[in-house]
Amino acid sequence: MSEAAAYLMGALVIGGGATVVMDLWAVARQRLLGIPPLDYGLVGRWLAHLARGIFRHDPITASPAVQGERLIGWTAHYLIGIAFAGVLLAIWGLEWICRPTIVPALMIGVGSVAAPFLLMQPGMGAGIAASRTPHPATARLRSLVTHGVFGLGLYSAGWVAHGLGVFRWWSFC
């Protein structure tokens, strides 16, 4: 297997696993705390409109629905998780897969909150770092916690994949 293929495979497994952990957190948060999860259909709507040259909405719920927006949003959600796992591996190398450590995973997870704070929330009409929402501090904290959970998911997915021997045939492990 080529090095590029190894990076891609690692990012797919670890990023996909971490995104599943983030989604399980959203389900637990809803059941235990009554906090509704993010509507990925609205993310898909924003992305579909972005492809048509419309970046900012006020708010996204007032913009016309787009066919397939839920599928677009969920697909983007997982692709973004995989991309952030790719960043983790690009910075810390494929060796991280052999011995996952928590600090790099948390750095990427918490750092990934910049994407919604600076791109998605402003584009969807919520302002930079949710500044135009009714409770910006609460929204920011929820985002930080969720992205911290994503970081824990990167770490956990790395260890689960390692423990299951997913990467055992790689020469560098």
Foldseek 3Di string as FASTA:
>chain_A
DDQVVLLLVQLLQLLQQLLVLLVVVQVCCCVPPVDHDDQLLLVLQQVVVVVVVQQADQASVPDDGDPCSSVSSVVVSSVVSSVLLSVLCVVVHPVCLQPPDLPSLQCSLQVVLQCCQPGVCRRRNLHRQSPNPPDSVVSNVVSNVSSSSSSVSSRVSSVVCNVVCVPVPPPSD
